[in-house]
Amino acid sequence: MTTMGVARPDQGAYMLRTAAMDAGRAYKEELLRLLDPRPGQTVLDVGCGPGTDLPALAERVGPEGRVIGVDRDPAMLAEARRRA
């Protein structure tokens, strides 16, 4: 895909790279701490993108819980399904 004749970077790859950086990991850890998902809960990730947070959320809610990821971009949902 291009915008004004310039190749547009792959959004999913960008989001995954950003989440893997030190600042991204620190942000995600703080987010989990503040949300404090617990075993058995249902968690909704609105705008889940490529699903970077879904595995950590699923780990927190355990097998009795549920994690739901939604995104408006079908490509992001496909990547989230593939990763999770």
C-alpha atoms as a PDB file:
ATOM      1  CA  MET A   1       0.000   0.000   0.000  1.00  0.00           C
ATOM      2  CA  THR A   2       1.195   3.501  -0.749  1.00  0.00           C
ATOM      3  CA  THR A   3       0.296   6.948   0.476  1.00  0.00           C
ATOM      4  CA  MET A   4       1.075   9.814  -1.883  1.00  0.00           C
ATOM      5  CA  GLY A   5       3.391   7.522  -3.827  1.00  0.00           C
ATOM      6  CA  VAL A   6       5.413   6.442  -0.784  1.00  0.00           C
ATOM      7  CA  ALA A   7       5.313   2.850   0.426  1.00  0.00           C
ATOM      8  CA  ARG A   8       3.420   2.610   3.692  1.00  0.00           C
ATOM      9  CA  PRO A   9       5.187   0.584   6.394  1.00  0.00           C
ATOM     10  CA  ASP A  10       3.573  -2.613   7.606  1.00  0.00           C
ATOM     11  CA  GLN A  11       1.554  -1.497  10.644  1.00  0.00           C
ATOM     12  CA  GLY A  12       1.560  -4.899  12.319  1.00  0.00           C
ATOM     13  CA  ALA A  13       5.327  -5.289  12.039  1.00  0.00           C
ATOM     14  CA  TYR A  14       5.799  -1.753  13.380  1.00  0.00           C
ATOM     15  CA  MET A  15       3.545  -2.421  16.366  1.00  0.00           C
ATOM     16  CA  LEU A  16       5.304  -5.690  17.158  1.00  0.00           C
ATOM     17  CA  ARG A  17       8.753  -4.051  16.953  1.00  0.00           C
ATOM     18  CA  THR A  18       7.634  -1.175  19.176  1.00  0.00           C
ATOM     19  CA  ALA A  19       6.169  -3.548  21.780  1.00  0.00           C
ATOM     20  CA  ALA A  20       9.464  -5.473  21.858  1.00  0.00           C
ATOM     21  CA  MET A  21      11.568  -2.383  22.623  1.00  0.00           C
ATOM     22  CA  ASP A  22      12.523  -1.554  26.231  1.00  0.00           C
ATOM     23  CA  ALA A  23      10.052   1.344  26.407  1.00  0.00           C
ATOM     24  CA  GLY A  24       7.313  -0.788  24.865  1.00  0.00           C
ATOM     25  CA  ARG A  25       7.880  -3.636  27.319  1.00  0.00           C
ATOM     26  CA  ALA A  26       7.905  -1.227  30.269  1.00  0.00           C
ATOM     27  CA  TYR A  27       4.654   0.326  29.060  1.00  0.00           C
ATOM     28  CA  LYS A  28       3.025  -3.101  28.665  1.00  0.00           C
ATOM     29  CA  GLU A  29       4.165  -4.184  32.145  1.00  0.00           C
ATOM     30  CA  GLU A  30       2.734  -1.014  33.686  1.00  0.00           C
ATOM     31  CA  LEU A  31      -0.498  -1.479  31.758  1.00  0.00           C
ATOM     32  CA  LEU A  32      -0.897  -5.019  33.102  1.00  0.00           C
ATOM     33  CA  ARG A  33      -0.108  -3.842  36.619  1.00  0.00           C
ATOM     34  CA  LEU A  34      -2.729  -1.103  36.473  1.00  0.00           C
ATOM     35  CA  LEU A  35      -5.409  -3.242  34.822  1.00  0.00           C
ATOM     36  CA  ASP A  36      -4.693  -6.085  37.234  1.00  0.00           C
ATOM     37  CA  PRO A  37      -6.506  -8.824  35.275  1.00  0.00           C
ATOM     38  CA  ARG A  38      -7.236 -11.799  37.518  1.00  0.00           C
ATOM     39  CA  PRO A  39      -7.934 -15.488  37.020  1.00  0.00           C
ATOM     40  CA  GLY A  40     -11.414 -16.158  35.699  1.00  0.00           C
ATOM     41  CA  GLN A  41     -12.057 -12.630  34.443  1.00  0.00           C
ATOM     42  CA  THR A  42     -13.052 -11.648  30.919  1.00  0.00           C
ATOM     43  CA  VAL A  43     -10.818  -9.010  29.321  1.00  0.00           C
ATOM     44  CA  LEU A  44     -11.677  -6.979  26.221  1.00  0.00           C
ATOM     45  CA  ASP A  45      -8.805  -5.487  24.218  1.00  0.00           C
ATOM     46  CA  VAL A  46     -10.361  -2.835  21.966  1.00  0.00           C
ATOM     47  CA  GLY A  47      -7.978  -1.980  19.157  1.00  0.00           C
ATOM     48  CA  CYS A  48      -5.893  -5.103  19.759  1.00  0.00           C
ATOM     49  CA  GLY A  49      -3.833  -4.584  16.602  1.00  0.00           C
ATOM     50  CA  PRO A  50      -1.663  -7.621  15.883  1.00  0.00           C
ATOM     51  CA  GLY A  51      -2.422  -9.045  19.319  1.00  0.00           C
ATOM     52  CA  THR A  52       0.731  -8.053  21.175  1.00  0.00           C
ATOM     53  CA  ASP A  53      -1.074  -7.933  24.530  1.00  0.00           C
ATOM     54  CA  LEU A  54      -3.371 -10.925  24.132  1.00  0.00           C
ATOM     55  CA  PRO A  55      -0.949 -13.657  25.319  1.00  0.00           C
ATOM     56  CA  ALA A  56      -0.018 -11.754  28.509  1.00  0.00           C
ATOM     57  CA  LEU A  57      -3.680 -11.051  29.237  1.00  0.00           C
ATOM     58  CA  ALA A  58      -4.575 -14.705  28.645  1.00  0.00           C
ATOM     59  CA  GLU A  59      -1.817 -15.769  31.026  1.00  0.00           C
ATOM     60  CA  ARG A  60      -3.245 -13.502  33.725  1.00  0.00           C
ATOM     61  CA  VAL A  61      -6.873 -14.630  33.379  1.00  0.00           C
ATOM     62  CA  GLY A  62      -5.894 -18.290  33.086  1.00  0.00           C
ATOM     63  CA  PRO A  63      -7.849 -21.166  31.568  1.00  0.00           C
ATOM     64  CA  GLU A  64     -11.069 -20.153  33.330  1.00  0.00           C
ATOM     65  CA  GLY A  65     -10.887 -16.583  31.972  1.00  0.00           C
ATOM     66  CA  ARG A  66     -11.427 -15.194  28.524  1.00  0.00           C
ATOM     67  CA  VAL A  67      -9.614 -12.617  26.393  1.00  0.00           C
ATOM     68  CA  ILE A  68     -11.398 -10.959  23.483  1.00  0.00           C
ATOM     69  CA  GLY A  69      -9.472  -8.876  20.960  1.00  0.00           C
ATOM     70  CA  VAL A  70     -11.249  -6.577  18.517  1.00  0.00           C
ATOM     71  CA  ASP A  71      -9.847  -4.325  15.823  1.00  0.00           C
ATOM     72  CA  ARG A  72     -11.317  -2.515  12.826  1.00  0.00           C
ATOM     73  CA  ASP A  73      -8.521  -3.706  10.530  1.00  0.00           C
ATOM     74  CA  PRO A  74      -9.067  -7.251   9.213  1.00  0.00           C
ATOM     75  CA  ALA A  75      -5.313  -7.672   8.626  1.00  0.00           C
ATOM     76  CA  MET A  76      -4.614  -6.889  12.289  1.00  0.00           C
ATOM     77  CA  LEU A  77      -7.264  -9.375  13.414  1.00  0.00           C
ATOM     78  CA  ALA A  78      -5.787 -12.034  11.162  1.00  0.00           C
ATOM     79  CA  GLU A  79      -2.340 -11.462  12.678  1.00  0.00           C
ATOM     80  CA  ALA A  80      -3.791 -11.484  16.206  1.00  0.00           C
ATOM     81  CA  ARG A  81      -5.513 -14.808  15.489  1.00  0.00           C
ATOM     82  CA  ARG A  82      -2.283 -16.234  14.068  1.00  0.00           C
ATOM     83  CA  ARG A  83      -0.248 -15.125  17.089  1.00  0.00           C
ATOM     84  CA  ALA A  84      -2.791 -16.072  19.747  1.00  0.00           C
END
